[in-house]
């Protein structure tokens, strides 16, 4: 049996602003497998960016304009704030 999937509008934000790094905006459409860890890929995506920029990053997933899920991840210790450099 094939796992069910769903497509969401997704984005990453820092302090309420859309993340744009090196001219790339972190917004798009993402297909996720339904299930208990459905949004784990977005958390990993946000964690990688948080580690890179050294700031908390909020991920959001929307379905037809309605917020489906969101979360905020923080960089680990020793991460340097790239925007402050």
C-alpha atoms as a PDB file:
ATOM      1  CA  UNK A   1       0.000   0.000   0.000  1.00  0.00           C
ATOM      2  CA  UNK A   2       1.295   3.412  -0.969  1.00  0.00           C
ATOM      3  CA  UNK A   3       1.674   5.976   1.851  1.00  0.00           C
ATOM      4  CA  UNK A   4      -0.692   8.923   1.642  1.00  0.00           C
ATOM      5  CA  UNK A   5       0.875  12.294   0.984  1.00  0.00           C
ATOM      6  CA  UNK A   6      -0.288  15.872   1.154  1.00  0.00           C
ATOM      7  CA  UNK A   7       1.114  19.041  -0.401  1.00  0.00           C
ATOM      8  CA  UNK A   8       1.579  22.182   1.708  1.00  0.00           C
ATOM      9  CA  UNK A   9       2.715  25.750   1.196  1.00  0.00           C
ATOM     10  CA  UNK A  10       5.814  25.965   3.377  1.00  0.00           C
ATOM     11  CA  UNK A  11       8.155  28.683   4.565  1.00  0.00           C
ATOM     12  CA  UNK A  12      10.866  29.518   7.056  1.00  0.00           C
ATOM     13  CA  UNK A  13      10.901  32.760   9.058  1.00  0.00           C
ATOM     14  CA  UNK A  14      13.259  34.572  11.419  1.00  0.00           C
ATOM     15  CA  UNK A  15      11.697  37.222  13.670  1.00  0.00           C
ATOM     16  CA  UNK A  16       8.564  37.101  11.521  1.00  0.00           C
ATOM     17  CA  UNK A  17      10.457  37.819   8.293  1.00  0.00           C
ATOM     18  CA  UNK A  18      10.752  35.324   5.447  1.00  0.00           C
ATOM     19  CA  UNK A  19      14.241  33.820   5.351  1.00  0.00           C
ATOM     20  CA  UNK A  20      16.218  34.937   2.295  1.00  0.00           C
ATOM     21  CA  UNK A  21      19.833  33.747   2.103  1.00  0.00           C
ATOM     22  CA  UNK A  22      22.088  34.468  -0.853  1.00  0.00           C
ATOM     23  CA  UNK A  23      19.067  35.597  -2.868  1.00  0.00           C
ATOM     24  CA  UNK A  24      17.101  32.392  -2.197  1.00  0.00           C
ATOM     25  CA  UNK A  25      13.783  32.775  -0.384  1.00  0.00           C
ATOM     26  CA  UNK A  26      12.847  29.835   1.808  1.00  0.00           C
ATOM     27  CA  UNK A  27       9.246  29.459   0.677  1.00  0.00           C
ATOM     28  CA  UNK A  28       7.638  26.894  -1.577  1.00  0.00           C
ATOM     29  CA  UNK A  29       5.428  23.830  -1.816  1.00  0.00           C
ATOM     30  CA  UNK A  30       6.377  20.604  -0.093  1.00  0.00           C
ATOM     31  CA  UNK A  31       4.870  17.129  -0.366  1.00  0.00           C
ATOM     32  CA  UNK A  32       4.850  15.329   2.990  1.00  0.00           C
ATOM     33  CA  UNK A  33       3.844  11.807   3.970  1.00  0.00           C
ATOM     34  CA  UNK A  34       0.888  11.729   6.322  1.00  0.00           C
ATOM     35  CA  UNK A  35       1.554  10.297   9.771  1.00  0.00           C
ATOM     36  CA  UNK A  36       2.830  11.118  13.244  1.00  0.00           C
ATOM     37  CA  UNK A  37       6.166  12.496  11.983  1.00  0.00           C
ATOM     38  CA  UNK A  38       4.621  14.254   9.013  1.00  0.00           C
ATOM     39  CA  UNK A  39       6.271  17.616   9.682  1.00  0.00           C
ATOM     40  CA  UNK A  40       9.685  16.259  10.751  1.00  0.00           C
ATOM     41  CA  UNK A  41      11.239  17.182   7.355  1.00  0.00           C
ATOM     42  CA  UNK A  42      10.263  20.824   7.932  1.00  0.00           C
ATOM     43  CA  UNK A  43      11.764  20.732  11.420  1.00  0.00           C
ATOM     44  CA  UNK A  44      15.025  19.343   9.998  1.00  0.00           C
ATOM     45  CA  UNK A  45      15.011  21.990   7.247  1.00  0.00           C
ATOM     46  CA  UNK A  46      14.522  24.748   9.825  1.00  0.00           C
ATOM     47  CA  UNK A  47      17.171  23.256  12.139  1.00  0.00           C
ATOM     48  CA  UNK A  48      19.752  23.285   9.340  1.00  0.00           C
ATOM     49  CA  UNK A  49      19.018  26.936   8.596  1.00  0.00           C
ATOM     50  CA  UNK A  50      19.020  27.819  12.315  1.00  0.00           C
ATOM     51  CA  UNK A  51      22.460  26.209  12.661  1.00  0.00           C
ATOM     52  CA  UNK A  52      23.664  28.112   9.606  1.00  0.00           C
ATOM     53  CA  UNK A  53      22.446  31.553  10.674  1.00  0.00           C
ATOM     54  CA  UNK A  54      22.769  31.107  14.442  1.00  0.00           C
ATOM     55  CA  UNK A  55      19.214  32.241  15.203  1.00  0.00           C
ATOM     56  CA  UNK A  56      15.863  30.562  15.960  1.00  0.00           C
ATOM     57  CA  UNK A  57      13.901  29.705  12.814  1.00  0.00           C
ATOM     58  CA  UNK A  58      10.144  29.175  12.595  1.00  0.00           C
ATOM     59  CA  UNK A  59       8.742  26.786   9.999  1.00  0.00           C
ATOM     60  CA  UNK A  60       5.148  26.955   8.781  1.00  0.00           C
ATOM     61  CA  UNK A  61       2.963  24.668   6.693  1.00  0.00           C
ATOM     62  CA  UNK A  62      -0.324  25.932   5.261  1.00  0.00           C
ATOM     63  CA  UNK A  63      -3.097  24.190   3.388  1.00  0.00           C
ATOM     64  CA  UNK A  64      -5.368  26.318   1.201  1.00  0.00           C
ATOM     65  CA  UNK A  65      -4.419  29.433   3.143  1.00  0.00           C
ATOM     66  CA  UNK A  66      -5.050  27.863   6.565  1.00  0.00           C
ATOM     67  CA  UNK A  67      -2.173  27.188   8.959  1.00  0.00           C
ATOM     68  CA  UNK A  68      -1.754  23.413   9.247  1.00  0.00           C
ATOM     69  CA  UNK A  69       1.289  23.349  11.553  1.00  0.00           C
ATOM     70  CA  UNK A  70       4.248  25.392  12.708  1.00  0.00           C
ATOM     71  CA  UNK A  71       7.178  25.160  15.046  1.00  0.00           C
ATOM     72  CA  UNK A  72      10.344  26.957  16.047  1.00  0.00           C
ATOM     73  CA  UNK A  73      13.791  25.410  16.296  1.00  0.00           C
ATOM     74  CA  UNK A  74      16.863  26.911  17.901  1.00  0.00           C
ATOM     75  CA  UNK A  75      20.475  26.561  16.846  1.00  0.00           C
ATOM     76  CA  UNK A  76      22.750  24.427  18.973  1.00  0.00           C
ATOM     77  CA  UNK A  77      25.444  25.831  21.218  1.00  0.00           C
ATOM     78  CA  UNK A  78      28.410  27.239  19.396  1.00  0.00           C
ATOM     79  CA  UNK A  79      26.426  28.401  16.374  1.00  0.00           C
ATOM     80  CA  UNK A  80      27.507  31.807  15.159  1.00  0.00           C
ATOM     81  CA  UNK A  81      25.017  34.463  14.150  1.00  0.00           C
ATOM     82  CA  UNK A  82      25.713  34.776  10.418  1.00  0.00           C
ATOM     83  CA  UNK A  83      23.556  37.882  10.037  1.00  0.00           C
ATOM     84  CA  UNK A  84      25.629  39.695  12.679  1.00  0.00           C
ATOM     85  CA  UNK A  85      28.885  39.111  10.792  1.00  0.00           C
END
